[in-house]
């Protein structure tokens, strides 16, 4: 049982790393678009989805 729990935690940590990387990239793209004055609705929507997924993954990781 402990082994399965550890594996789940490691998978969630990998998901957190993946989401964290793309969250930073998307945040930079959204900020750049806002500063330049381009429409950034898509970048903002993707950023929101990534933030929601990151929150979910953090909660799940803390539960393990």
N, C-alpha and C. Protein backbone atom coordinates (compact mmCIF):
# COMPACT_ATOMS: atom_id res chain seq x y z
N UNK A 1 0.83 -1.20 0.00
CA UNK A 1 0.00 0.00 0.00
C UNK A 1 0.87 1.26 0.00
N UNK A 2 1.91 1.23 0.80
CA UNK A 2 2.80 2.39 0.87
C UNK A 2 3.48 2.64 -0.47
N UNK A 3 3.79 1.56 -1.16
CA UNK A 3 4.45 1.68 -2.46
C UNK A 3 3.55 2.37 -3.48
N UNK A 4 2.28 2.00 -3.48
CA UNK A 4 1.31 2.62 -4.40
C UNK A 4 1.14 4.10 -4.08
N UNK A 5 1.14 4.41 -2.81
CA UNK A 5 1.00 5.82 -2.39
C UNK A 5 2.21 6.64 -2.84
N UNK A 6 3.39 6.05 -2.72
CA UNK A 6 4.62 6.74 -3.14
C UNK A 6 4.62 6.96 -4.65
N UNK A 7 4.18 5.92 -5.39
CA UNK A 7 4.11 6.06 -6.85
C UNK A 7 3.15 7.15 -7.26
N UNK A 8 2.00 7.21 -6.60
CA UNK A 8 1.01 8.25 -6.90
C UNK A 8 1.59 9.64 -6.62
N UNK A 9 2.30 9.76 -5.52
CA UNK A 9 2.94 11.04 -5.18
C UNK A 9 3.97 11.44 -6.21
N UNK A 10 4.73 10.48 -6.70
CA UNK A 10 5.74 10.78 -7.72
C UNK A 10 5.09 11.20 -9.02
N UNK A 11 4.00 10.54 -9.38
CA UNK A 11 3.27 10.95 -10.60
C UNK A 11 2.73 12.36 -10.47
N UNK A 12 2.19 12.67 -9.31
CA UNK A 12 1.67 14.02 -9.09
C UNK A 12 2.78 15.05 -9.12
N UNK A 13 3.95 14.71 -8.60
CA UNK A 13 5.08 15.64 -8.67
C UNK A 13 5.51 15.88 -10.11
N UNK A 14 5.45 14.85 -10.95
CA UNK A 14 5.77 15.01 -12.37
C UNK A 14 4.74 15.92 -13.04
N UNK A 15 3.48 15.72 -12.70
CA UNK A 15 2.41 16.58 -13.26
C UNK A 15 2.61 18.02 -12.80
N UNK A 16 2.98 18.20 -11.54
CA UNK A 16 3.24 19.55 -11.03
C UNK A 16 4.39 20.23 -11.76
N UNK A 17 5.44 19.49 -12.05
CA UNK A 17 6.55 20.05 -12.80
C UNK A 17 6.15 20.44 -14.21
N UNK A 18 5.42 19.58 -14.86
CA UNK A 18 4.93 19.84 -16.22
C UNK A 18 4.03 21.08 -16.23
N UNK A 19 3.07 21.10 -15.32
CA UNK A 19 2.15 22.25 -15.25
C UNK A 19 2.89 23.53 -14.87
N UNK A 20 3.83 23.43 -13.96
CA UNK A 20 4.58 24.61 -13.54
C UNK A 20 5.37 25.22 -14.68
N UNK A 21 6.01 24.38 -15.47
CA UNK A 21 6.76 24.89 -16.62
C UNK A 21 5.85 25.63 -17.59
N UNK A 22 4.75 24.98 -17.99
CA UNK A 22 3.87 25.61 -18.95
C UNK A 22 3.10 26.79 -18.36
N UNK A 23 2.92 26.79 -17.05
CA UNK A 23 2.29 27.94 -16.39
C UNK A 23 3.19 29.16 -16.50
N UNK A 24 4.47 29.00 -16.27
CA UNK A 24 5.42 30.11 -16.38
C UNK A 24 5.50 30.61 -17.82
N UNK A 25 5.57 29.70 -18.78
CA UNK A 25 5.66 30.08 -20.19
C UNK A 25 4.39 30.83 -20.61
N UNK A 26 3.24 30.32 -20.22
CA UNK A 26 1.98 30.96 -20.59
C UNK A 26 1.82 32.31 -19.90
N UNK A 27 2.24 32.41 -18.65
CA UNK A 27 2.16 33.69 -17.94
C UNK A 27 3.05 34.73 -18.63
N UNK A 28 4.24 34.32 -19.04
CA UNK A 28 5.13 35.25 -19.75
C UNK A 28 4.51 35.69 -21.07
N UNK A 29 3.89 34.75 -21.79
CA UNK A 29 3.25 35.10 -23.07
C UNK A 29 2.07 36.04 -22.84
N UNK A 30 1.29 35.81 -21.80
CA UNK A 30 0.14 36.67 -21.52
C UNK A 30 0.59 38.07 -21.11
N UNK A 31 1.61 38.15 -20.26
CA UNK A 31 2.12 39.46 -19.86
C UNK A 31 2.70 40.21 -21.04
N UNK A 32 3.44 39.50 -21.89
CA UNK A 32 4.01 40.11 -23.09
C UNK A 32 2.91 40.65 -24.00
N UNK A 33 1.86 39.87 -24.18
CA UNK A 33 0.75 40.30 -25.05
C UNK A 33 0.05 41.53 -24.47
N UNK A 34 -0.10 41.57 -23.16
CA UNK A 34 -0.75 42.73 -22.53
C UNK A 34 0.12 43.97 -22.67
N UNK A 35 1.42 43.83 -22.47
CA UNK A 35 2.34 44.97 -22.56
C UNK A 35 2.40 45.50 -23.99
N UNK A 36 2.44 44.61 -24.96
CA UNK A 36 2.53 45.01 -26.36
C UNK A 36 1.19 45.57 -26.85
N UNK A 37 0.10 45.13 -26.25
CA UNK A 37 -1.20 45.63 -26.64
C UNK A 37 -1.94 44.69 -27.57
N UNK A 38 -1.49 43.46 -27.67
CA UNK A 38 -2.18 42.47 -28.50
C UNK A 38 -3.34 41.87 -27.70
N UNK A 39 -4.33 41.35 -28.41
CA UNK A 39 -5.39 40.63 -27.69
C UNK A 39 -4.81 39.38 -27.04
N UNK A 40 -5.14 39.15 -25.80
CA UNK A 40 -4.55 38.02 -25.08
C UNK A 40 -5.61 37.15 -24.42
N UNK A 41 -6.78 37.06 -25.02
CA UNK A 41 -7.86 36.27 -24.43
C UNK A 41 -7.49 34.79 -24.37
N UNK A 42 -6.92 34.26 -25.44
CA UNK A 42 -6.55 32.84 -25.46
C UNK A 42 -5.47 32.55 -24.43
N UNK A 43 -4.46 33.37 -24.36
CA UNK A 43 -3.39 33.17 -23.38
C UNK A 43 -3.95 33.26 -21.96
N UNK A 44 -4.86 34.19 -21.73
CA UNK A 44 -5.46 34.33 -20.40
C UNK A 44 -6.32 33.11 -20.05
N UNK A 45 -7.04 32.59 -21.02
CA UNK A 45 -7.87 31.41 -20.78
C UNK A 45 -7.01 30.19 -20.48
N UNK A 46 -5.95 30.00 -21.25
CA UNK A 46 -5.04 28.88 -21.01
C UNK A 46 -4.38 29.04 -19.64
N UNK A 47 -4.01 30.26 -19.29
CA UNK A 47 -3.41 30.52 -17.98
C UNK A 47 -4.37 30.16 -16.85
N UNK A 48 -5.63 30.52 -17.01
CA UNK A 48 -6.64 30.19 -16.01
C UNK A 48 -6.80 28.68 -15.86
N UNK A 49 -6.86 27.96 -16.96
CA UNK A 49 -7.00 26.50 -16.92
C UNK A 49 -5.78 25.86 -16.24
N UNK A 50 -4.59 26.34 -16.60
CA UNK A 50 -3.37 25.80 -15.98
C UNK A 50 -3.33 26.09 -14.48
N UNK A 51 -3.77 27.27 -14.08
CA UNK A 51 -3.82 27.59 -12.65
C UNK A 51 -4.79 26.69 -11.91
N UNK A 52 -5.94 26.42 -12.52
CA UNK A 52 -6.92 25.53 -11.89
C UNK A 52 -6.35 24.12 -11.77
N UNK A 53 -5.71 23.63 -12.82
CA UNK A 53 -5.10 22.30 -12.77
C UNK A 53 -3.97 22.24 -11.75
N UNK A 54 -3.21 23.31 -11.65
CA UNK A 54 -2.11 23.35 -10.67
C UNK A 54 -2.68 23.31 -9.25
N UNK A 55 -3.73 24.05 -9.01
CA UNK A 55 -4.38 24.02 -7.69
C UNK A 55 -4.88 22.62 -7.34
N UNK A 56 -5.50 21.96 -8.32
CA UNK A 56 -5.97 20.59 -8.11
C UNK A 56 -4.81 19.65 -7.80
N UNK A 57 -3.74 19.75 -8.58
CA UNK A 57 -2.59 18.86 -8.40
C UNK A 57 -1.92 19.09 -7.04
N UNK A 58 -1.84 20.33 -6.61
CA UNK A 58 -1.24 20.63 -5.30
C UNK A 58 -2.09 20.03 -4.18
N UNK A 59 -3.42 20.20 -4.29
CA UNK A 59 -4.31 19.63 -3.27
C UNK A 59 -4.19 18.11 -3.21
N UNK A 60 -4.14 17.49 -4.39
CA UNK A 60 -3.99 16.03 -4.43
C UNK A 60 -2.67 15.59 -3.85
N UNK A 61 -1.61 16.32 -4.14
CA UNK A 61 -0.28 15.97 -3.63
C UNK A 61 -0.23 16.09 -2.11
N UNK A 62 -0.87 17.10 -1.59
CA UNK A 62 -0.89 17.28 -0.13
C UNK A 62 -1.69 16.18 0.56
N UNK A 63 -2.66 15.61 -0.14
CA UNK A 63 -3.46 14.54 0.43
C UNK A 63 -2.71 13.21 0.48
N UNK A 64 -1.73 13.05 -0.40
CA UNK A 64 -0.96 11.78 -0.43
C UNK A 64 -0.04 11.66 0.75
